[in-house]
Amino acid sequence: MRFKVLLTAGAESDLNDLHGYIAAYDSPQNADDVLDKLLEVAESLATFPERGSYPPELLALGIREYRQSFFKPYRVIYRVIGKQVIIYVITDGRRDMKSLLARRLLGA
């Protein structure tokens, strides 16, 4: 069974921000490469999205609705609802993930 993969507006904004940052501080070619790899990770969730691990920041709060997949050091945070995979966050995992996830997923 294939799942439909959807990106929230926040996840799309994350991709644009990451691309812009890498293009400005590294190179446009590397920015394109990272964007392509992150989109591959997102699309790979169409088959067996449950393989992703639980984000430890959320697991510590007892929240198991979200999962994550990686293209190191980047993290793709998503939720499986029915036959859809909804991607909420795509970010550099070296960021302050507790604050980001609380703000983006928990509405804090």
PDB file of N, CA and C in Angstrom:
ATOM      1  N   MET A   1       0.833  -1.182   0.000  1.00  0.00           N
ATOM      2  CA  MET A   1       0.000   0.000   0.000  1.00  0.00           C
ATOM      3  C   MET A   1       0.881   1.251   0.000  1.00  0.00           C
ATOM      4  N   ARG A   2       0.520   2.200  -0.834  1.00  0.00           N
ATOM      5  CA  ARG A   2       1.236   3.476  -0.885  1.00  0.00           C
ATOM      6  C   ARG A   2       0.444   4.534  -0.126  1.00  0.00           C
ATOM      7  N   PHE A   3       1.173   5.345   0.598  1.00  0.00           N
ATOM      8  CA  PHE A   3       0.590   6.460   1.323  1.00  0.00           C
ATOM      9  C   PHE A   3       0.788   7.734   0.510  1.00  0.00           C
ATOM     10  N   LYS A   4      -0.119   8.658   0.681  1.00  0.00           N
ATOM     11  CA  LYS A   4       0.027   9.968   0.043  1.00  0.00           C
ATOM     12  C   LYS A   4       0.836  10.852   0.984  1.00  0.00           C
ATOM     13  N   VAL A   5       1.905  11.443   0.485  1.00  0.00           N
ATOM     14  CA  VAL A   5       2.783  12.283   1.287  1.00  0.00           C
ATOM     15  C   VAL A   5       2.429  13.750   1.037  1.00  0.00           C
ATOM     16  N   LEU A   6       2.136  14.463   2.137  1.00  0.00           N
ATOM     17  CA  LEU A   6       1.763  15.875   2.060  1.00  0.00           C
ATOM     18  C   LEU A   6       2.694  16.697   2.947  1.00  0.00           C
ATOM     19  N   LEU A   7       3.045  17.881   2.478  1.00  0.00           N
ATOM     20  CA  LEU A   7       3.848  18.800   3.275  1.00  0.00           C
ATOM     21  C   LEU A   7       2.956  19.930   3.758  1.00  0.00           C
ATOM     22  N   THR A   8       3.057  20.261   5.042  1.00  0.00           N
ATOM     23  CA  THR A   8       2.335  21.417   5.550  1.00  0.00           C
ATOM     24  C   THR A   8       3.030  22.682   5.045  1.00  0.00           C
ATOM     25  N   ALA A   9       2.364  23.804   5.210  1.00  0.00           N
ATOM     26  CA  ALA A   9       2.972  25.085   4.822  1.00  0.00           C
ATOM     27  C   ALA A   9       4.261  25.306   5.606  1.00  0.00           C
ATOM     28  N   GLY A  10       4.270  24.878   6.874  1.00  0.00           N
ATOM     29  CA  GLY A  10       5.478  25.017   7.686  1.00  0.00           C
ATOM     30  C   GLY A  10       6.635  24.207   7.139  1.00  0.00           C
ATOM     31  N   ALA A  11       6.364  22.992   6.696  1.00  0.00           N
ATOM     32  CA  ALA A  11       7.415  22.136   6.136  1.00  0.00           C
ATOM     33  C   ALA A  11       7.931  22.709   4.813  1.00  0.00           C
ATOM     34  N   GLU A  12       7.028  23.233   3.991  1.00  0.00           N
ATOM     35  CA  GLU A  12       7.466  23.872   2.739  1.00  0.00           C
ATOM     36  C   GLU A  12       8.340  25.078   3.034  1.00  0.00           C
ATOM     37  N   SER A  13       7.952  25.856   4.032  1.00  0.00           N
ATOM     38  CA  SER A  13       8.748  27.008   4.432  1.00  0.00           C
ATOM     39  C   SER A  13      10.118  26.571   4.947  1.00  0.00           C
ATOM     40  N   ASP A  14      10.136  25.458   5.703  1.00  0.00           N
ATOM     41  CA  ASP A  14      11.411  24.910   6.181  1.00  0.00           C
ATOM     42  C   ASP A  14      12.343  24.596   5.018  1.00  0.00           C
ATOM     43  N   LEU A  15      11.813  23.952   3.979  1.00  0.00           N
ATOM     44  CA  LEU A  15      12.626  23.610   2.808  1.00  0.00           C
ATOM     45  C   LEU A  15      13.180  24.862   2.135  1.00  0.00           C
ATOM     46  N   ASN A  16      12.325  25.858   1.967  1.00  0.00           N
ATOM     47  CA  ASN A  16      12.780  27.113   1.349  1.00  0.00           C
ATOM     48  C   ASN A  16      13.856  27.787   2.181  1.00  0.00           C
ATOM     49  N   ASP A  17      13.661  27.814   3.500  1.00  0.00           N
ATOM     50  CA  ASP A  17      14.646  28.438   4.392  1.00  0.00           C
ATOM     51  C   ASP A  17      15.969  27.694   4.360  1.00  0.00           C
ATOM     52  N   LEU A  18      15.919  26.360   4.420  1.00  0.00           N
ATOM     53  CA  LEU A  18      17.149  25.569   4.369  1.00  0.00           C
ATOM     54  C   LEU A  18      17.891  25.785   3.050  1.00  0.00           C
ATOM     55  N   HIS A  19      17.146  25.764   1.958  1.00  0.00           N
ATOM     56  CA  HIS A  19      17.765  25.966   0.648  1.00  0.00           C
ATOM     57  C   HIS A  19      18.441  27.332   0.583  1.00  0.00           C
ATOM     58  N   GLY A  20      17.736  28.357   1.027  1.00  0.00           N
ATOM     59  CA  GLY A  20      18.300  29.707   0.998  1.00  0.00           C
ATOM     60  C   GLY A  20      19.540  29.841   1.860  1.00  0.00           C
ATOM     61  N   TYR A  21      19.503  29.246   3.027  1.00  0.00           N
ATOM     62  CA  TYR A  21      20.640  29.316   3.941  1.00  0.00           C
ATOM     63  C   TYR A  21      21.863  28.613   3.348  1.00  0.00           C
ATOM     64  N   ILE A  22      21.661  27.402   2.861  1.00  0.00           N
ATOM     65  CA  ILE A  22      22.787  26.639   2.297  1.00  0.00           C
ATOM     66  C   ILE A  22      23.329  27.332   1.052  1.00  0.00           C
ATOM     67  N   ALA A  23      22.440  27.861   0.225  1.00  0.00           N
ATOM     68  CA  ALA A  23      22.889  28.570  -0.988  1.00  0.00           C
ATOM     69  C   ALA A  23      23.724  29.789  -0.625  1.00  0.00           C
ATOM     70  N   ALA A  24      23.321  30.496   0.425  1.00  0.00           N
ATOM     71  CA  ALA A  24      24.029  31.719   0.816  1.00  0.00           C
ATOM     72  C   ALA A  24      25.359  31.433   1.509  1.00  0.00           C
ATOM     73  N   TYR A  25      25.393  30.403   2.360  1.00  0.00           N
ATOM     74  CA  TYR A  25      26.574  30.163   3.173  1.00  0.00           C
ATOM     75  C   TYR A  25      27.455  29.027   2.694  1.00  0.00           C
ATOM     76  N   ASP A  26      27.001  28.279   1.691  1.00  0.00           N
ATOM     77  CA  ASP A  26      27.807  27.200   1.128  1.00  0.00           C
ATOM     78  C   ASP A  26      27.839  27.397  -0.385  1.00  0.00           C
ATOM     79  N   SER A  27      26.891  26.786  -1.087  1.00  0.00           N
ATOM     80  CA  SER A  27      26.816  26.994  -2.532  1.00  0.00           C
ATOM     81  C   SER A  27      25.415  26.631  -3.021  1.00  0.00           C
ATOM     82  N   PRO A  28      24.982  27.251  -4.122  1.00  0.00           N
ATOM     83  CA  PRO A  28      23.681  26.894  -4.681  1.00  0.00           C
ATOM     84  C   PRO A  28      23.602  25.413  -5.075  1.00  0.00           C
ATOM     85  N   GLN A  29      24.696  24.849  -5.568  1.00  0.00           N
ATOM     86  CA  GLN A  29      24.710  23.436  -5.953  1.00  0.00           C
ATOM     87  C   GLN A  29      24.470  22.535  -4.742  1.00  0.00           C
ATOM     88  N   ASN A  30      25.146  22.831  -3.638  1.00  0.00           N
ATOM     89  CA  ASN A  30      24.935  22.034  -2.432  1.00  0.00           C
ATOM     90  C   ASN A  30      23.520  22.213  -1.899  1.00  0.00           C
ATOM     91  N   ALA A  31      22.988  23.417  -2.011  1.00  0.00           N
ATOM     92  CA  ALA A  31      21.609  23.672  -1.576  1.00  0.00           C
ATOM     93  C   ALA A  31      20.640  22.820  -2.395  1.00  0.00           C
ATOM     94  N   ASP A  32      20.855  22.771  -3.703  1.00  0.00           N
ATOM     95  CA  ASP A  32      20.005  21.941  -4.572  1.00  0.00           C
ATOM     96  C   ASP A  32      20.128  20.461  -4.213  1.00  0.00           C
ATOM     97  N   ASP A  33      21.350  20.016  -3.936  1.00  0.00           N
ATOM     98  CA  ASP A  33      21.579  18.606  -3.586  1.00  0.00           C
ATOM     99  C   ASP A  33      20.863  18.237  -2.284  1.00  0.00           C
ATOM    100  N   VAL A  34      20.971  19.101  -1.271  1.00  0.00           N
ATOM    101  CA  VAL A  34      20.314  18.826   0.014  1.00  0.00           C
ATOM    102  C   VAL A  34      18.802  18.823  -0.174  1.00  0.00           C
ATOM    103  N   LEU A  35      18.289  19.776  -0.936  1.00  0.00           N
ATOM    104  CA  LEU A  35      16.847  19.829  -1.194  1.00  0.00           C
ATOM    105  C   LEU A  35      16.382  18.545  -1.884  1.00  0.00           C
ATOM    106  N   ASP A  36      17.126  18.093  -2.879  1.00  0.00           N
ATOM    107  CA  ASP A  36      16.774  16.850  -3.582  1.00  0.00           C
ATOM    108  C   ASP A  36      16.762  15.657  -2.627  1.00  0.00           C
ATOM    109  N   LYS A  37      17.769  15.554  -1.768  1.00  0.00           N
ATOM    110  CA  LYS A  37      17.849  14.434  -0.821  1.00  0.00           C
ATOM    111  C   LYS A  37      16.699  14.483   0.177  1.00  0.00           C
ATOM    112  N   LEU A  38      16.354  15.677   0.665  1.00  0.00           N
ATOM    113  CA  LEU A  38      15.250  15.798   1.616  1.00  0.00           C
ATOM    114  C   LEU A  38      13.916  15.436   0.961  1.00  0.00           C
ATOM    115  N   LEU A  39      13.752  15.812  -0.288  1.00  0.00           N
ATOM    116  CA  LEU A  39      12.529  15.436  -1.007  1.00  0.00           C
ATOM    117  C   LEU A  39      12.475  13.927  -1.250  1.00  0.00           C
ATOM    118  N   GLU A  40      13.632  13.305  -1.468  1.00  0.00           N
ATOM    119  CA  GLU A  40      13.684  11.841  -1.603  1.00  0.00           C
ATOM    120  C   GLU A  40      13.266  11.170  -0.296  1.00  0.00           C
ATOM    121  N   VAL A  41      13.754  11.699   0.831  1.00  0.00           N
ATOM    122  CA  VAL A  41      13.361  11.157   2.142  1.00  0.00           C
ATOM    123  C   VAL A  41      11.853  11.279   2.308  1.00  0.00           C
ATOM    124  N   ALA A  42      11.314  12.448   1.968  1.00  0.00           N
ATOM    125  CA  ALA A  42       9.870  12.662   2.092  1.00  0.00           C
ATOM    126  C   ALA A  42       9.098  11.675   1.224  1.00  0.00           C
ATOM    127  N   GLU A  43       9.494  11.521  -0.010  1.00  0.00           N
ATOM    128  CA  GLU A  43       8.788  10.611  -0.918  1.00  0.00           C
ATOM    129  C   GLU A  43       8.936   9.150  -0.498  1.00  0.00           C
ATOM    130  N   SER A  44      10.061   8.807   0.125  1.00  0.00           N
ATOM    131  CA  SER A  44      10.258   7.419   0.559  1.00  0.00           C
ATOM    132  C   SER A  44       9.250   7.033   1.642  1.00  0.00           C
ATOM    133  N   LEU A  45       8.640   8.014   2.280  1.00  0.00           N
ATOM    134  CA  LEU A  45       7.647   7.732   3.317  1.00  0.00           C
ATOM    135  C   LEU A  45       6.341   7.208   2.737  1.00  0.00           C
ATOM    136  N   ALA A  46       6.201   7.263   1.422  1.00  0.00           N
ATOM    137  CA  ALA A  46       4.993   6.740   0.775  1.00  0.00           C
ATOM    138  C   ALA A  46       4.888   5.225   0.952  1.00  0.00           C
ATOM    139  N   THR A  47       6.014   4.576   1.200  1.00  0.00           N
ATOM    140  CA  THR A  47       6.012   3.141   1.462  1.00  0.00           C
ATOM    141  C   THR A  47       6.544   2.898   2.866  1.00  0.00           C
ATOM    142  N   PHE A  48       5.758   2.288   3.686  1.00  0.00           N
ATOM    143  CA  PHE A  48       6.091   1.908   5.054  1.00  0.00           C
ATOM    144  C   PHE A  48       6.583   3.075   5.918  1.00  0.00           C
ATOM    145  N   PRO A  49       5.751   4.085   6.116  1.00  0.00           N
ATOM    146  CA  PRO A  49       6.162   5.233   6.920  1.00  0.00           C
ATOM    147  C   PRO A  49       6.350   4.906   8.403  1.00  0.00           C
ATOM    148  N   GLU A  50       5.795   3.785   8.868  1.00  0.00           N
ATOM    149  CA  GLU A  50       5.935   3.419  10.272  1.00  0.00           C
ATOM    150  C   GLU A  50       7.362   3.041  10.652  1.00  0.00           C
ATOM    151  N   ARG A  51       8.244   2.934   9.671  1.00  0.00           N
ATOM    152  CA  ARG A  51       9.628   2.574   9.967  1.00  0.00           C
ATOM    153  C   ARG A  51      10.363   3.686  10.714  1.00  0.00           C
ATOM    154  N   GLY A  52       9.860   4.898  10.659  1.00  0.00           N
ATOM    155  CA  GLY A  52      10.513   6.019  11.322  1.00  0.00           C
ATOM    156  C   GLY A  52      10.473   5.898  12.833  1.00  0.00           C
ATOM    157  N   SER A  53      11.472   6.448  13.468  1.00  0.00           N
ATOM    158  CA  SER A  53      11.538   6.417  14.931  1.00  0.00           C
ATOM    159  C   SER A  53      10.717   7.568  15.519  1.00  0.00           C
ATOM    160  N   TYR A  54      10.451   7.463  16.812  1.00  0.00           N
ATOM    161  CA  TYR A  54       9.756   8.536  17.509  1.00  0.00           C
ATOM    162  C   TYR A  54      10.775   9.614  17.887  1.00  0.00           C
ATOM    163  N   PRO A  55      10.458  10.894  17.667  1.00  0.00           N
ATOM    164  CA  PRO A  55      11.383  11.943  18.117  1.00  0.00           C
ATOM    165  C   PRO A  55      11.534  11.881  19.643  1.00  0.00           C
ATOM    166  N   PRO A  56      12.762  11.778  20.144  1.00  0.00           N
ATOM    167  CA  PRO A  56      12.952  11.618  21.588  1.00  0.00           C
ATOM    168  C   PRO A  56      12.392  12.783  22.399  1.00  0.00           C
ATOM    169  N   GLU A  57      12.385  13.976  21.822  1.00  0.00           N
ATOM    170  CA  GLU A  57      11.855  15.143  22.539  1.00  0.00           C
ATOM    171  C   GLU A  57      10.362  14.987  22.808  1.00  0.00           C
ATOM    172  N   LEU A  58       9.652  14.350  21.882  1.00  0.00           N
ATOM    173  CA  LEU A  58       8.219  14.128  22.058  1.00  0.00           C
ATOM    174  C   LEU A  58       7.960  12.866  22.871  1.00  0.00           C
ATOM    175  N   LEU A  59       8.774  11.856  22.656  1.00  0.00           N
ATOM    176  CA  LEU A  59       8.628  10.609  23.398  1.00  0.00           C
ATOM    177  C   LEU A  59       8.771  10.861  24.896  1.00  0.00           C
ATOM    178  N   ALA A  60       9.661  11.776  25.276  1.00  0.00           N
ATOM    179  CA  ALA A  60       9.854  12.116  26.689  1.00  0.00           C
ATOM    180  C   ALA A  60       8.579  12.700  27.300  1.00  0.00           C
ATOM    181  N   LEU A  61       7.703  13.259  26.450  1.00  0.00           N
ATOM    182  CA  LEU A  61       6.431  13.809  26.912  1.00  0.00           C
ATOM    183  C   LEU A  61       5.293  12.803  26.767  1.00  0.00           C
ATOM    184  N   GLY A  62       5.623  11.587  26.331  1.00  0.00           N
ATOM    185  CA  GLY A  62       4.617  10.551  26.145  1.00  0.00           C
ATOM    186  C   GLY A  62       3.845  10.680  24.846  1.00  0.00           C
ATOM    187  N   ILE A  63       4.362  11.474  23.906  1.00  0.00           N
ATOM    188  CA  ILE A  63       3.686  11.705  22.627  1.00  0.00           C
ATOM    189  C   ILE A  63       4.258  10.745  21.590  1.00  0.00           C
ATOM    190  N   ARG A  64       3.376   9.897  21.041  1.00  0.00           N
ATOM    191  CA  ARG A  64       3.803   8.895  20.060  1.00  0.00           C
ATOM    192  C   ARG A  64       3.075   9.037  18.734  1.00  0.00           C
ATOM    193  N   GLU A  65       2.485  10.183  18.480  1.00  0.00           N
ATOM    194  CA  GLU A  65       1.769  10.366  17.214  1.00  0.00           C
ATOM    195  C   GLU A  65       2.698  10.732  16.066  1.00  0.00           C
ATOM    196  N   TYR A  66       3.875  11.228  16.401  1.00  0.00           N
ATOM    197  CA  TYR A  66       4.800  11.719  15.376  1.00  0.00           C
ATOM    198  C   TYR A  66       5.981  10.778  15.240  1.00  0.00           C
ATOM    199  N   ARG A  67       6.524  10.738  14.034  1.00  0.00           N
ATOM    200  CA  ARG A  67       7.719   9.948  13.746  1.00  0.00           C
ATOM    201  C   ARG A  67       8.721  10.840  13.028  1.00  0.00           C
ATOM    202  N   GLN A  68       9.916  10.298  12.834  1.00  0.00           N
ATOM    203  CA  GLN A  68      10.944  11.064  12.141  1.00  0.00           C
ATOM    204  C   GLN A  68      11.762  10.165  11.233  1.00  0.00           C
ATOM    205  N   SER A  69      12.270  10.792  10.196  1.00  0.00           N
ATOM    206  CA  SER A  69      13.194  10.146   9.287  1.00  0.00           C
ATOM    207  C   SER A  69      14.341  11.128   9.086  1.00  0.00           C
ATOM    208  N   PHE A  70      15.486  10.638   8.637  1.00  0.00           N
ATOM    209  CA  PHE A  70      16.682  11.467   8.602  1.00  0.00           C
ATOM    210  C   PHE A  70      17.350  11.528   7.242  1.00  0.00           C
ATOM    211  N   PHE A  71      17.955  12.650   6.980  1.00  0.00           N
ATOM    212  CA  PHE A  71      19.052  12.825   6.044  1.00  0.00           C
ATOM    213  C   PHE A  71      20.016  13.682   6.850  1.00  0.00           C
ATOM    214  N   LYS A  72      20.924  13.019   7.542  1.00  0.00           N
ATOM    215  CA  LYS A  72      21.769  13.665   8.553  1.00  0.00           C
ATOM    216  C   LYS A  72      22.430  14.917   8.009  1.00  0.00           C
ATOM    217  N   PRO A  73      22.413  15.999   8.780  1.00  0.00           N
ATOM    218  CA  PRO A  73      21.867  16.164  10.128  1.00  0.00           C
ATOM    219  C   PRO A  73      20.397  16.609  10.129  1.00  0.00           C
ATOM    220  N   TYR A  74      19.736  16.494   9.003  1.00  0.00           N
ATOM    221  CA  TYR A  74      18.368  17.002   8.887  1.00  0.00           C
ATOM    222  C   TYR A  74      17.351  15.964   9.336  1.00  0.00           C
ATOM    223  N   ARG A  75      16.283  16.466   9.934  1.00  0.00           N
ATOM    224  CA  ARG A  75      15.213  15.602  10.435  1.00  0.00           C
ATOM    225  C   ARG A  75      13.900  15.973   9.760  1.00  0.00           C
ATOM    226  N   VAL A  76      13.158  14.952   9.391  1.00  0.00           N
ATOM    227  CA  VAL A  76      11.835  15.123   8.795  1.00  0.00           C
ATOM    228  C   VAL A  76      10.845  14.555   9.818  1.00  0.00           C
ATOM    229  N   ILE A  77      10.016  15.436  10.398  1.00  0.00           N
ATOM    230  CA  ILE A  77       9.059  15.043  11.429  1.00  0.00           C
ATOM    231  C   ILE A  77       7.678  14.964  10.785  1.00  0.00           C
ATOM    232  N   TYR A  78       7.011  13.816  10.972  1.00  0.00           N
ATOM    233  CA  TYR A  78       5.744  13.598  10.278  1.00  0.00           C
ATOM    234  C   TYR A  78       4.782  12.793  11.138  1.00  0.00           C
ATOM    235  N   ARG A  79       3.573  12.708  10.649  1.00  0.00           N
ATOM    236  CA  ARG A  79       2.516  11.944  11.315  1.00  0.00           C
ATOM    237  C   ARG A  79       1.777  11.138  10.257  1.00  0.00           C
ATOM    238  N   VAL A  80       1.436   9.906  10.584  1.00  0.00           N
ATOM    239  CA  VAL A  80       0.668   9.051   9.681  1.00  0.00           C
ATOM    240  C   VAL A  80      -0.788   9.113  10.132  1.00  0.00           C
ATOM    241  N   ILE A  81      -1.651   9.558   9.224  1.00  0.00           N
ATOM    242  CA  ILE A  81      -3.082   9.637   9.502  1.00  0.00           C
ATOM    243  C   ILE A  81      -3.801   8.933   8.357  1.00  0.00           C
ATOM    244  N   GLY A  82      -4.388   7.793   8.668  1.00  0.00           N
ATOM    245  CA  GLY A  82      -5.046   7.013   7.619  1.00  0.00           C
ATOM    246  C   GLY A  82      -4.037   6.579   6.581  1.00  0.00           C
ATOM    247  N   LYS A  83      -4.280   6.957   5.332  1.00  0.00           N
ATOM    248  CA  LYS A  83      -3.365   6.613   4.238  1.00  0.00           C
ATOM    249  C   LYS A  83      -2.537   7.818   3.803  1.00  0.00           C
ATOM    250  N   GLN A  84      -2.392   8.768   4.724  1.00  0.00           N
ATOM    251  CA  GLN A  84      -1.609   9.964   4.430  1.00  0.00           C
ATOM    252  C   GLN A  84      -0.443  10.099   5.401  1.00  0.00           C
ATOM    253  N   VAL A  85       0.654  10.609   4.882  1.00  0.00           N
ATOM    254  CA  VAL A  85       1.806  10.984   5.691  1.00  0.00           C
ATOM    255  C   VAL A  85       1.877  12.503   5.607  1.00  0.00           C
ATOM    256  N   ILE A  86       1.711  13.148   6.739  1.00  0.00           N
ATOM    257  CA  ILE A  86       1.732  14.607   6.773  1.00  0.00           C
ATOM    258  C   ILE A  86       3.039  15.043   7.421  1.00  0.00           C
ATOM    259  N   ILE A  87       3.842  15.765   6.649  1.00  0.00           N
ATOM    260  CA  ILE A  87       5.144  16.231   7.122  1.00  0.00           C
ATOM    261  C   ILE A  87       4.950  17.625   7.709  1.00  0.00           C
ATOM    262  N   TYR A  88       5.356  17.761   8.969  1.00  0.00           N
ATOM    263  CA  TYR A  88       5.177  19.013   9.699  1.00  0.00           C
ATOM    264  C   TYR A  88       6.444  19.839   9.804  1.00  0.00           C
ATOM    265  N   VAL A  89       7.592  19.179   9.933  1.00  0.00           N
ATOM    266  CA  VAL A  89       8.849  19.880  10.182  1.00  0.00           C
ATOM    267  C   VAL A  89       9.958  19.224   9.372  1.00  0.00           C
ATOM    268  N   ILE A  90      10.772  20.056   8.721  1.00  0.00           N
ATOM    269  CA  ILE A  90      11.995  19.604   8.073  1.00  0.00           C
ATOM    270  C   ILE A  90      13.063  20.582   8.520  1.00  0.00           C
ATOM    271  N   THR A  91      14.000  20.108   9.333  1.00  0.00           N
ATOM    272  CA  THR A  91      14.944  21.042   9.929  1.00  0.00           C
ATOM    273  C   THR A  91      16.291  20.401  10.210  1.00  0.00           C
ATOM    274  N   ASP A  92      17.251  21.240  10.485  1.00  0.00           N
ATOM    275  CA  ASP A  92      18.568  20.800  10.908  1.00  0.00           C
ATOM    276  C   ASP A  92      18.434  20.287  12.337  1.00  0.00           C
ATOM    277  N   GLY A  93      18.778  19.056  12.567  1.00  0.00           N
ATOM    278  CA  GLY A  93      18.633  18.437  13.870  1.00  0.00           C
ATOM    279  C   GLY A  93      19.529  19.022  14.943  1.00  0.00           C
ATOM    280  N   ARG A  94      20.437  19.913  14.577  1.00  0.00           N
ATOM    281  CA  ARG A  94      21.318  20.533  15.563  1.00  0.00           C
ATOM    282  C   ARG A  94      20.659  21.748  16.220  1.00  0.00           C
ATOM    283  N   ARG A  95      19.483  22.106  15.741  1.00  0.00           N
ATOM    284  CA  ARG A  95      18.745  23.225  16.340  1.00  0.00           C
ATOM    285  C   ARG A  95      18.190  22.827  17.702  1.00  0.00           C
ATOM    286  N   ASP A  96      17.629  23.796  18.400  1.00  0.00           N
ATOM    287  CA  ASP A  96      16.940  23.542  19.668  1.00  0.00           C
ATOM    288  C   ASP A  96      15.609  22.889  19.330  1.00  0.00           C
ATOM    289  N   MET A  97      15.618  21.572  19.283  1.00  0.00           N
ATOM    290  CA  MET A  97      14.444  20.822  18.821  1.00  0.00           C
ATOM    291  C   MET A  97      13.281  20.902  19.800  1.00  0.00           C
ATOM    292  N   LYS A  98      13.559  20.956  21.100  1.00  0.00           N
ATOM    293  CA  LYS A  98      12.461  21.030  22.072  1.00  0.00           C
ATOM    294  C   LYS A  98      11.607  22.265  21.817  1.00  0.00           C
ATOM    295  N   SER A  99      12.245  23.401  21.662  1.00  0.00           N
ATOM    296  CA  SER A  99      11.501  24.648  21.434  1.00  0.00           C
ATOM    297  C   SER A  99      10.778  24.619  20.097  1.00  0.00           C
ATOM    298  N   LEU A 100      11.462  24.161  19.068  1.00  0.00           N
ATOM    299  CA  LEU A 100      10.861  24.122  17.735  1.00  0.00           C
ATOM    300  C   LEU A 100       9.640  23.202  17.714  1.00  0.00           C
ATOM    301  N   LEU A 101       9.776  22.005  18.259  1.00  0.00           N
ATOM    302  CA  LEU A 101       8.660  21.064  18.241  1.00  0.00           C
ATOM    303  C   LEU A 101       7.506  21.539  19.130  1.00  0.00           C
ATOM    304  N   ALA A 102       7.832  22.124  20.249  1.00  0.00           N
ATOM    305  CA  ALA A 102       6.772  22.650  21.129  1.00  0.00           C
ATOM    306  C   ALA A 102       5.989  23.741  20.399  1.00  0.00           C
ATOM    307  N   ARG A 103       6.704  24.616  19.731  1.00  0.00           N
ATOM    308  CA  ARG A 103       6.056  25.724  19.019  1.00  0.00           C
ATOM    309  C   ARG A 103       5.259  25.228  17.823  1.00  0.00           C
ATOM    310  N   ARG A 104       5.840  24.354  17.040  1.00  0.00           N
ATOM    311  CA  ARG A 104       5.237  23.949  15.776  1.00  0.00           C
ATOM    312  C   ARG A 104       4.168  22.872  15.947  1.00  0.00           C
ATOM    313  N   LEU A 105       4.411  21.881  16.796  1.00  0.00           N
ATOM    314  CA  LEU A 105       3.498  20.743  16.906  1.00  0.00           C
ATOM    315  C   LEU A 105       2.547  20.820  18.095  1.00  0.00           C
ATOM    316  N   LEU A 106       3.004  21.440  19.153  1.00  0.00           N
ATOM    317  CA  LEU A 106       2.207  21.461  20.378  1.00  0.00           C
ATOM    318  C   LEU A 106       1.545  22.806  20.625  1.00  0.00           C
ATOM    319  N   GLY A 107       1.811  23.770  19.762  1.00  0.00           N
ATOM    320  CA  GLY A 107       1.165  25.074  19.863  1.00  0.00           C
ATOM    321  C   GLY A 107       1.619  25.888  21.068  1.00  0.00           C
ATOM    322  N   ALA A 108       2.807  25.592  21.590  1.00  0.00           N
ATOM    323  CA  ALA A 108       3.292  26.345  22.760  1.00  0.00           C
ATOM    324  C   ALA A 108       3.942  27.642  22.340  1.00  0.00           C
TER     325      ALA A 108
END
